Structures are given as C-alpha cells and as structure tokens.
Amino acid sequence: MSAYFTCPECGQPTLDGLTEMTYELEGTKVTIKDVPAQRCPNGHSYVDGYTAESVNRLVNHVIEDVSAYSKRLARRLTPRREVVIAA
C-alpha cells in the first residue's frame, strides 16, 4: 500500500496502518484484528482487494469450523458465538 491515496469519504490523505474487520455470519461474530489497511486522520480505513479476499477466505473457514464443531457438541450452545483472531 502507498501513502499517496486520498480517502474517498473525506478527501484526506491516507497512511499505512492497521484496522479491525468484523463479520456476523450464522450466529457467529468473527473479528479479525491488525489487518493492514490505508487509514485517514478521520478514522476511515480501507483494505486492498487481495487483503479483503484473504480475510474473507479466513472468515469462511472459521465459520465452517465453528459450525461443524457446534453440531458435534451434545450440550446446547448459546445462540451467540464470538471468535477473535489477532496477531
């Protein structure tokens, strides 16, 4: 990523940084922390296509694994599950 982009929401220049991406799928909240991103001074952040695709694949695998594990448990789970992945 480069520091020469401008934020499409506010027009401020962006810098390399990290962000957090959160998904809610199939009753499970998945949070990925420390994702490389472009960040502007007003708090907006953007990830490139390759990073977004990689995170989406990771989240899909996590959801599949959590769902498969939950089906094998004999006891009843709470309807809300949360997974946090951090570097």
PDB file of N, CA and C in Angstrom:
ATOM      1  N   MET A   1       0.842  -1.182   0.000  1.00  0.00           N
ATOM      2  CA  MET A   1       0.000   0.000   0.000  1.00  0.00           C
ATOM      3  C   MET A   1       0.882   1.239   0.000  1.00  0.00           C
ATOM      4  N   SER A   2       0.302   2.311  -0.414  1.00  0.00           N
ATOM      5  CA  SER A   2       1.067   3.535  -0.532  1.00  0.00           C
ATOM      6  C   SER A   2       0.422   4.649   0.278  1.00  0.00           C
ATOM      7  N   ALA A   3       1.216   5.631   0.659  1.00  0.00           N
ATOM      8  CA  ALA A   3       0.714   6.762   1.428  1.00  0.00           C
ATOM      9  C   ALA A   3       0.172   7.860   0.522  1.00  0.00           C
ATOM     10  N   TYR A   4       0.005   7.588  -0.776  1.00  0.00           N
ATOM     11  CA  TYR A   4      -0.418   8.619  -1.720  1.00  0.00           C
ATOM     12  C   TYR A   4      -1.894   8.578  -2.069  1.00  0.00           C
ATOM     13  N   PHE A   5      -2.673   7.746  -1.391  1.00  0.00           N
ATOM     14  CA  PHE A   5      -4.103   7.685  -1.642  1.00  0.00           C
ATOM     15  C   PHE A   5      -4.814   8.762  -0.844  1.00  0.00           C
ATOM     16  N   THR A   6      -6.001   9.143  -1.322  1.00  0.00           N
ATOM     17  CA  THR A   6      -6.845  10.028  -0.538  1.00  0.00           C
ATOM     18  C   THR A   6      -8.110   9.262  -0.166  1.00  0.00           C
ATOM     19  N   CYS A   7      -8.649   9.580   0.974  1.00  0.00           N
ATOM     20  CA  CYS A   7      -9.841   8.926   1.478  1.00  0.00           C
ATOM     21  C   CYS A   7     -11.038   9.277   0.596  1.00  0.00           C
ATOM     22  N   PRO A   8     -11.763   8.282   0.089  1.00  0.00           N
ATOM     23  CA  PRO A   8     -12.919   8.589  -0.747  1.00  0.00           C
ATOM     24  C   PRO A   8     -14.077   9.224   0.020  1.00  0.00           C
ATOM     25  N   GLU A   9     -14.089   9.102   1.344  1.00  0.00           N
ATOM     26  CA  GLU A   9     -15.175   9.687   2.135  1.00  0.00           C
ATOM     27  C   GLU A   9     -14.924  11.142   2.508  1.00  0.00           C
ATOM     28  N   CYS A  10     -13.665  11.478   2.840  1.00  0.00           N
ATOM     29  CA  CYS A  10     -13.407  12.842   3.323  1.00  0.00           C
ATOM     30  C   CYS A  10     -12.316  13.567   2.545  1.00  0.00           C
ATOM     31  N   GLY A  11     -11.601  12.871   1.660  1.00  0.00           N
ATOM     32  CA  GLY A  11     -10.573  13.512   0.841  1.00  0.00           C
ATOM     33  C   GLY A  11      -9.227  13.703   1.519  1.00  0.00           C
ATOM     34  N   GLN A  12      -9.084  13.281   2.769  1.00  0.00           N
ATOM     35  CA  GLN A  12      -7.816  13.425   3.483  1.00  0.00           C
ATOM     36  C   GLN A  12      -6.809  12.395   2.961  1.00  0.00           C
ATOM     37  N   PRO A  13      -5.518  12.706   3.032  1.00  0.00           N
ATOM     38  CA  PRO A  13      -4.522  11.703   2.621  1.00  0.00           C
ATOM     39  C   PRO A  13      -4.516  10.520   3.595  1.00  0.00           C
ATOM     40  N   THR A  14      -4.242   9.332   3.077  1.00  0.00           N
ATOM     41  CA  THR A  14      -4.211   8.145   3.920  1.00  0.00           C
ATOM     42  C   THR A  14      -2.776   7.686   4.138  1.00  0.00           C
ATOM     43  N   LEU A  15      -2.583   6.947   5.203  1.00  0.00           N
ATOM     44  CA  LEU A  15      -1.282   6.375   5.536  1.00  0.00           C
ATOM     45  C   LEU A  15      -1.453   4.888   5.819  1.00  0.00           C
ATOM     46  N   ASP A  16      -0.372   4.139   5.691  1.00  0.00           N
ATOM     47  CA  ASP A  16      -0.400   2.727   6.037  1.00  0.00           C
ATOM     48  C   ASP A  16      -0.709   2.582   7.520  1.00  0.00           C
ATOM     49  N   GLY A  17      -1.525   1.607   7.849  1.00  0.00           N
ATOM     50  CA  GLY A  17      -1.872   1.361   9.240  1.00  0.00           C
ATOM     51  C   GLY A  17      -2.522   0.002   9.382  1.00  0.00           C
ATOM     52  N   LEU A  18      -3.208  -0.192  10.485  1.00  0.00           N
ATOM     53  CA  LEU A  18      -3.904  -1.437  10.770  1.00  0.00           C
ATOM     54  C   LEU A  18      -5.356  -1.127  11.109  1.00  0.00           C
ATOM     55  N   THR A  19      -6.232  -2.080  10.814  1.00  0.00           N
ATOM     56  CA  THR A  19      -7.640  -1.910  11.144  1.00  0.00           C
ATOM     57  C   THR A  19      -8.197  -3.224  11.669  1.00  0.00           C
ATOM     58  N   GLU A  20      -9.444  -3.195  12.050  1.00  0.00           N
ATOM     59  CA  GLU A  20     -10.144  -4.369  12.570  1.00  0.00           C
ATOM     60  C   GLU A  20     -11.354  -4.618  11.669  1.00  0.00           C
ATOM     61  N   MET A  21     -11.557  -5.866  11.279  1.00  0.00           N
ATOM     62  CA  MET A  21     -12.703  -6.220  10.438  1.00  0.00           C
ATOM     63  C   MET A  21     -13.594  -7.177  11.216  1.00  0.00           C
ATOM     64  N   THR A  22     -14.896  -6.887  11.246  1.00  0.00           N
ATOM     65  CA  THR A  22     -15.839  -7.703  11.997  1.00  0.00           C
ATOM     66  C   THR A  22     -16.939  -8.208  11.060  1.00  0.00           C
ATOM     67  N   TYR A  23     -17.242  -9.498  11.188  1.00  0.00           N
ATOM     68  CA  TYR A  23     -18.279 -10.152  10.400  1.00  0.00           C
ATOM     69  C   TYR A  23     -19.253 -10.820  11.343  1.00  0.00           C
ATOM     70  N   GLU A  24     -20.533 -10.891  10.969  1.00  0.00           N
ATOM     71  CA  GLU A  24     -21.524 -11.666  11.714  1.00  0.00           C
ATOM     72  C   GLU A  24     -22.208 -12.591  10.727  1.00  0.00           C
ATOM     73  N   LEU A  25     -21.933 -13.893  10.855  1.00  0.00           N
ATOM     74  CA  LEU A  25     -22.479 -14.908   9.958  1.00  0.00           C
ATOM     75  C   LEU A  25     -22.956 -16.109  10.758  1.00  0.00           C
ATOM     76  N   GLU A  26     -24.101 -16.633  10.409  1.00  0.00           N
ATOM     77  CA  GLU A  26     -24.619 -17.869  11.008  1.00  0.00           C
ATOM     78  C   GLU A  26     -24.574 -17.844  12.529  1.00  0.00           C
ATOM     79  N   GLY A  27     -24.923 -16.719  13.133  1.00  0.00           N
ATOM     80  CA  GLY A  27     -24.952 -16.618  14.584  1.00  0.00           C
ATOM     81  C   GLY A  27     -23.596 -16.509  15.256  1.00  0.00           C
ATOM     82  N   THR A  28     -22.546 -16.300  14.453  1.00  0.00           N
ATOM     83  CA  THR A  28     -21.195 -16.191  14.992  1.00  0.00           C
ATOM     84  C   THR A  28     -20.589 -14.853  14.584  1.00  0.00           C
ATOM     85  N   LYS A  29     -20.018 -14.162  15.560  1.00  0.00           N
ATOM     86  CA  LYS A  29     -19.308 -12.914  15.288  1.00  0.00           C
ATOM     87  C   LYS A  29     -17.830 -13.238  15.194  1.00  0.00           C
ATOM     88  N   VAL A  30     -17.204 -12.850  14.068  1.00  0.00           N
ATOM     89  CA  VAL A  30     -15.780 -13.093  13.858  1.00  0.00           C
ATOM     90  C   VAL A  30     -15.099 -11.738  13.701  1.00  0.00           C
ATOM     91  N   THR A  31     -14.096 -11.470  14.535  1.00  0.00           N
ATOM     92  CA  THR A  31     -13.344 -10.215  14.471  1.00  0.00           C
ATOM     93  C   THR A  31     -11.900 -10.532  14.123  1.00  0.00           C
ATOM     94  N   ILE A  32     -11.397  -9.897  13.075  1.00  0.00           N
ATOM     95  CA  ILE A  32     -10.001 -10.040  12.668  1.00  0.00           C
ATOM     96  C   ILE A  32      -9.316  -8.722  13.010  1.00  0.00           C
ATOM     97  N   LYS A  33      -8.308  -8.784  13.873  1.00  0.00           N
ATOM     98  CA  LYS A  33      -7.595  -7.573  14.294  1.00  0.00           C
ATOM     99  C   LYS A  33      -6.271  -7.439  13.558  1.00  0.00           C
ATOM    100  N   ASP A  34      -5.748  -6.241  13.516  1.00  0.00           N
ATOM    101  CA  ASP A  34      -4.434  -5.927  12.936  1.00  0.00           C
ATOM    102  C   ASP A  34      -4.351  -6.262  11.451  1.00  0.00           C
ATOM    103  N   VAL A  35      -5.398  -5.894  10.694  1.00  0.00           N
ATOM    104  CA  VAL A  35      -5.427  -6.097   9.245  1.00  0.00           C
ATOM    105  C   VAL A  35      -4.738  -4.889   8.591  1.00  0.00           C
ATOM    106  N   PRO A  36      -3.755  -5.114   7.700  1.00  0.00           N
ATOM    107  CA  PRO A  36      -3.098  -3.995   7.014  1.00  0.00           C
ATOM    108  C   PRO A  36      -4.117  -3.191   6.203  1.00  0.00           C
ATOM    109  N   ALA A  37      -4.065  -1.868   6.341  1.00  0.00           N
ATOM    110  CA  ALA A  37      -5.049  -1.005   5.682  1.00  0.00           C
ATOM    111  C   ALA A  37      -4.482   0.383   5.441  1.00  0.00           C
ATOM    112  N   GLN A  38      -5.196   1.145   4.624  1.00  0.00           N
ATOM    113  CA  GLN A  38      -4.949   2.571   4.484  1.00  0.00           C
ATOM    114  C   GLN A  38      -5.889   3.265   5.460  1.00  0.00           C
ATOM    115  N   ARG A  39      -5.367   4.197   6.259  1.00  0.00           N
ATOM    116  CA  ARG A  39      -6.171   4.898   7.256  1.00  0.00           C
ATOM    117  C   ARG A  39      -6.049   6.400   7.058  1.00  0.00           C
ATOM    118  N   CYS A  40      -7.159   7.099   7.236  1.00  0.00           N
ATOM    119  CA  CYS A  40      -7.123   8.561   7.155  1.00  0.00           C
ATOM    120  C   CYS A  40      -7.216   9.132   8.565  1.00  0.00           C
ATOM    121  N   PRO A  41      -6.894  10.419   8.726  1.00  0.00           N
ATOM    122  CA  PRO A  41      -6.921  11.034  10.065  1.00  0.00           C
ATOM    123  C   PRO A  41      -8.320  11.069  10.685  1.00  0.00           C
ATOM    124  N   ASN A  42      -9.373  10.926   9.873  1.00  0.00           N
ATOM    125  CA  ASN A  42     -10.743  10.976  10.388  1.00  0.00           C
ATOM    126  C   ASN A  42     -11.280   9.603  10.795  1.00  0.00           C
ATOM    127  N   GLY A  43     -10.408   8.577  10.779  1.00  0.00           N
ATOM    128  CA  GLY A  43     -10.802   7.268  11.272  1.00  0.00           C
ATOM    129  C   GLY A  43     -11.319   6.289  10.237  1.00  0.00           C
ATOM    130  N   HIS A  44     -11.405   6.691   8.977  1.00  0.00           N
ATOM    131  CA  HIS A  44     -11.831   5.757   7.936  1.00  0.00           C
ATOM    132  C   HIS A  44     -10.671   4.840   7.578  1.00  0.00           C
ATOM    133  N   SER A  45     -10.983   3.593   7.228  1.00  0.00           N
ATOM    134  CA  SER A  45      -9.912   2.675   6.824  1.00  0.00           C
ATOM    135  C   SER A  45     -10.378   1.832   5.639  1.00  0.00           C
ATOM    136  N   TYR A  46      -9.406   1.442   4.818  1.00  0.00           N
ATOM    137  CA  TYR A  46      -9.677   0.708   3.586  1.00  0.00           C
ATOM    138  C   TYR A  46      -8.613  -0.356   3.390  1.00  0.00           C
ATOM    139  N   VAL A  47      -9.041  -1.558   2.996  1.00  0.00           N
ATOM    140  CA  VAL A  47      -8.092  -2.629   2.695  1.00  0.00           C
ATOM    141  C   VAL A  47      -8.078  -2.855   1.192  1.00  0.00           C
ATOM    142  N   ASP A  48      -6.936  -3.329   0.678  1.00  0.00           N
ATOM    143  CA  ASP A  48      -6.863  -3.608  -0.759  1.00  0.00           C
ATOM    144  C   ASP A  48      -7.608  -4.907  -1.064  1.00  0.00           C
ATOM    145  N   GLY A  49      -7.823  -5.175  -2.346  1.00  0.00           N
ATOM    146  CA  GLY A  49      -8.593  -6.336  -2.770  1.00  0.00           C
ATOM    147  C   GLY A  49      -8.000  -7.662  -2.325  1.00  0.00           C
ATOM    148  N   TYR A  50      -6.684  -7.799  -2.428  1.00  0.00           N
ATOM    149  CA  TYR A  50      -6.024  -9.045  -2.032  1.00  0.00           C
ATOM    150  C   TYR A  50      -6.223  -9.312  -0.543  1.00  0.00           C
ATOM    151  N   THR A  51      -6.060  -8.290   0.272  1.00  0.00           N
ATOM    152  CA  THR A  51      -6.232  -8.438   1.716  1.00  0.00           C
ATOM    153  C   THR A  51      -7.685  -8.773   2.049  1.00  0.00           C
ATOM    154  N   ALA A  52      -8.622  -8.081   1.419  1.00  0.00           N
ATOM    155  CA  ALA A  52     -10.041  -8.351   1.670  1.00  0.00           C
ATOM    156  C   ALA A  52     -10.392  -9.787   1.310  1.00  0.00           C
ATOM    157  N   GLU A  53      -9.904 -10.266   0.170  1.00  0.00           N
ATOM    158  CA  GLU A  53     -10.176 -11.644  -0.256  1.00  0.00           C
ATOM    159  C   GLU A  53      -9.567 -12.648   0.721  1.00  0.00           C
ATOM    160  N   SER A  54      -8.359 -12.384   1.183  1.00  0.00           N
ATOM    161  CA  SER A  54      -7.697 -13.279   2.148  1.00  0.00           C
ATOM    162  C   SER A  54      -8.469 -13.344   3.458  1.00  0.00           C
ATOM    163  N   VAL A  55      -8.913 -12.203   3.950  1.00  0.00           N
ATOM    164  CA  VAL A  55      -9.676 -12.163   5.194  1.00  0.00           C
ATOM    165  C   VAL A  55     -11.018 -12.873   5.004  1.00  0.00           C
ATOM    166  N   ASN A  56     -11.673 -12.660   3.863  1.00  0.00           N
ATOM    167  CA  ASN A  56     -12.952 -13.331   3.599  1.00  0.00           C
ATOM    168  C   ASN A  56     -12.793 -14.849   3.592  1.00  0.00           C
ATOM    169  N   ARG A  57     -11.719 -15.350   2.982  1.00  0.00           N
ATOM    170  CA  ARG A  57     -11.464 -16.790   2.973  1.00  0.00           C
ATOM    171  C   ARG A  57     -11.251 -17.308   4.394  1.00  0.00           C
ATOM    172  N   LEU A  58     -10.465 -16.580   5.188  1.00  0.00           N
ATOM    173  CA  LEU A  58     -10.210 -16.964   6.578  1.00  0.00           C
ATOM    174  C   LEU A  58     -11.517 -17.028   7.367  1.00  0.00           C
ATOM    175  N   VAL A  59     -12.347 -16.013   7.225  1.00  0.00           N
ATOM    176  CA  VAL A  59     -13.620 -15.965   7.950  1.00  0.00           C
ATOM    177  C   VAL A  59     -14.518 -17.130   7.530  1.00  0.00           C
ATOM    178  N   ASN A  60     -14.577 -17.428   6.246  1.00  0.00           N
ATOM    179  CA  ASN A  60     -15.391 -18.555   5.781  1.00  0.00           C
ATOM    180  C   ASN A  60     -14.925 -19.875   6.389  1.00  0.00           C
ATOM    181  N   HIS A  61     -13.611 -20.073   6.472  1.00  0.00           N
ATOM    182  CA  HIS A  61     -13.082 -21.291   7.095  1.00  0.00           C
ATOM    183  C   HIS A  61     -13.424 -21.348   8.580  1.00  0.00           C
ATOM    184  N   VAL A  62     -13.299 -20.223   9.259  1.00  0.00           N
ATOM    185  CA  VAL A  62     -13.620 -20.180  10.692  1.00  0.00           C
ATOM    186  C   VAL A  62     -15.095 -20.509  10.906  1.00  0.00           C
ATOM    187  N   ILE A  63     -15.980 -19.922  10.116  1.00  0.00           N
ATOM    188  CA  ILE A  63     -17.419 -20.179  10.253  1.00  0.00           C
ATOM    189  C   ILE A  63     -17.723 -21.654  10.009  1.00  0.00           C
ATOM    190  N   GLU A  64     -17.105 -22.242   8.985  1.00  0.00           N
ATOM    191  CA  GLU A  64     -17.309 -23.669   8.714  1.00  0.00           C
ATOM    192  C   GLU A  64     -16.853 -24.520   9.892  1.00  0.00           C
ATOM    193  N   ASP A  65     -15.675 -24.208  10.441  1.00  0.00           N
ATOM    194  CA  ASP A  65     -15.136 -24.981  11.560  1.00  0.00           C
ATOM    195  C   ASP A  65     -15.997 -24.838  12.817  1.00  0.00           C
ATOM    196  N   VAL A  66     -16.418 -23.617  13.129  1.00  0.00           N
ATOM    197  CA  VAL A  66     -17.252 -23.388  14.312  1.00  0.00           C
ATOM    198  C   VAL A  66     -18.589 -24.102  14.153  1.00  0.00           C
ATOM    199  N   SER A  67     -19.179 -24.034  12.963  1.00  0.00           N
ATOM    200  CA  SER A  67     -20.459 -24.705  12.728  1.00  0.00           C
ATOM    201  C   SER A  67     -20.322 -26.220  12.865  1.00  0.00           C
ATOM    202  N   ALA A  68     -19.261 -26.788  12.289  1.00  0.00           N
ATOM    203  CA  ALA A  68     -19.044 -28.237  12.382  1.00  0.00           C
ATOM    204  C   ALA A  68     -18.822 -28.655  13.829  1.00  0.00           C
ATOM    205  N   TYR A  69     -18.052 -27.888  14.577  1.00  0.00           N
ATOM    206  CA  TYR A  69     -17.787 -28.203  15.981  1.00  0.00           C
ATOM    207  C   TYR A  69     -19.071 -28.113  16.804  1.00  0.00           C
ATOM    208  N   SER A  70     -19.851 -27.077  16.562  1.00  0.00           N
ATOM    209  CA  SER A  70     -21.086 -26.873  17.322  1.00  0.00           C
ATOM    210  C   SER A  70     -22.069 -28.018  17.100  1.00  0.00           C
ATOM    211  N   LYS A  71     -22.115 -28.559  15.899  1.00  0.00           N
ATOM    212  CA  LYS A  71     -23.032 -29.662  15.604  1.00  0.00           C
ATOM    213  C   LYS A  71     -22.636 -30.929  16.351  1.00  0.00           C
ATOM    214  N   ARG A  72     -21.348 -31.088  16.653  1.00  0.00           N
ATOM    215  CA  ARG A  72     -20.869 -32.285  17.348  1.00  0.00           C
ATOM    216  C   ARG A  72     -21.066 -32.238  18.853  1.00  0.00           C
ATOM    217  N   LEU A  73     -21.290 -31.062  19.393  1.00  0.00           N
ATOM    218  CA  LEU A  73     -21.453 -30.949  20.849  1.00  0.00           C
ATOM    219  C   LEU A  73     -22.799 -31.500  21.287  1.00  0.00           C
ATOM    220  N   ALA A  74     -22.795 -32.233  22.373  1.00  0.00           N
ATOM    221  CA  ALA A  74     -24.042 -32.800  22.894  1.00  0.00           C
ATOM    222  C   ALA A  74     -24.837 -31.746  23.660  1.00  0.00           C
ATOM    223  N   ARG A  75     -24.143 -30.818  24.301  1.00  0.00           N
ATOM    224  CA  ARG A  75     -24.862 -29.816  25.086  1.00  0.00           C
ATOM    225  C   ARG A  75     -25.307 -28.664  24.189  1.00  0.00           C
ATOM    226  N   ARG A  76     -26.317 -27.981  24.611  1.00  0.00           N
ATOM    227  CA  ARG A  76     -26.868 -26.870  23.834  1.00  0.00           C
ATOM    228  C   ARG A  76     -25.979 -25.636  24.006  1.00  0.00           C
ATOM    229  N   LEU A  77     -25.624 -25.017  22.900  1.00  0.00           N
ATOM    230  CA  LEU A  77     -24.810 -23.801  22.942  1.00  0.00           C
ATOM    231  C   LEU A  77     -25.697 -22.570  23.006  1.00  0.00           C
ATOM    232  N   THR A  78     -25.147 -21.497  23.517  1.00  0.00           N
ATOM    233  CA  THR A  78     -25.861 -20.233  23.440  1.00  0.00           C
ATOM    234  C   THR A  78     -25.961 -19.858  21.960  1.00  0.00           C
ATOM    235  N   PRO A  79     -27.004 -19.168  21.570  1.00  0.00           N
ATOM    236  CA  PRO A  79     -27.173 -18.858  20.153  1.00  0.00           C
ATOM    237  C   PRO A  79     -26.105 -17.899  19.605  1.00  0.00           C
ATOM    238  N   ARG A  80     -25.394 -17.223  20.474  1.00  0.00           N
ATOM    239  CA  ARG A  80     -24.394 -16.244  20.017  1.00  0.00           C
ATOM    240  C   ARG A  80     -23.004 -16.768  20.339  1.00  0.00           C
ATOM    241  N   ARG A  81     -22.154 -16.814  19.303  1.00  0.00           N
ATOM    242  CA  ARG A  81     -20.763 -17.230  19.478  1.00  0.00           C
ATOM    243  C   ARG A  81     -19.875 -16.107  18.949  1.00  0.00           C
ATOM    244  N   GLU A  82     -18.670 -16.011  19.512  1.00  0.00           N
ATOM    245  CA  GLU A  82     -17.735 -14.975  19.060  1.00  0.00           C
ATOM    246  C   GLU A  82     -16.341 -15.556  18.946  1.00  0.00           C
ATOM    247  N   VAL A  83     -15.654 -15.216  17.836  1.00  0.00           N
ATOM    248  CA  VAL A  83     -14.287 -15.642  17.583  1.00  0.00           C
ATOM    249  C   VAL A  83     -13.480 -14.382  17.296  1.00  0.00           C
ATOM    250  N   VAL A  84     -12.329 -14.215  17.955  1.00  0.00           N
ATOM    251  CA  VAL A  84     -11.452 -13.080  17.712  1.00  0.00           C
ATOM    252  C   VAL A  84     -10.088 -13.617  17.294  1.00  0.00           C
ATOM    253  N   ILE A  85      -9.571 -13.103  16.184  1.00  0.00           N
ATOM    254  CA  ILE A  85      -8.259 -13.507  15.688  1.00  0.00           C
ATOM    255  C   ILE A  85      -7.377 -12.253  15.690  1.00  0.00           C
ATOM    256  N   ALA A  86      -6.251 -12.334  16.397  1.00  0.00           N
ATOM    257  CA  ALA A  86      -5.354 -11.180  16.493  1.00  0.00           C
ATOM    258  C   ALA A  86      -3.922 -11.650  16.297  1.00  0.00           C
ATOM    259  N   ALA A  87      -3.114 -10.738  15.783  1.00  0.00           N
ATOM    260  CA  ALA A  87      -1.696 -11.058  15.564  1.00  0.00           C
ATOM    261  C   ALA A  87      -0.955 -11.027  16.872  1.00  0.00           C
TER     262      ALA A  87
END
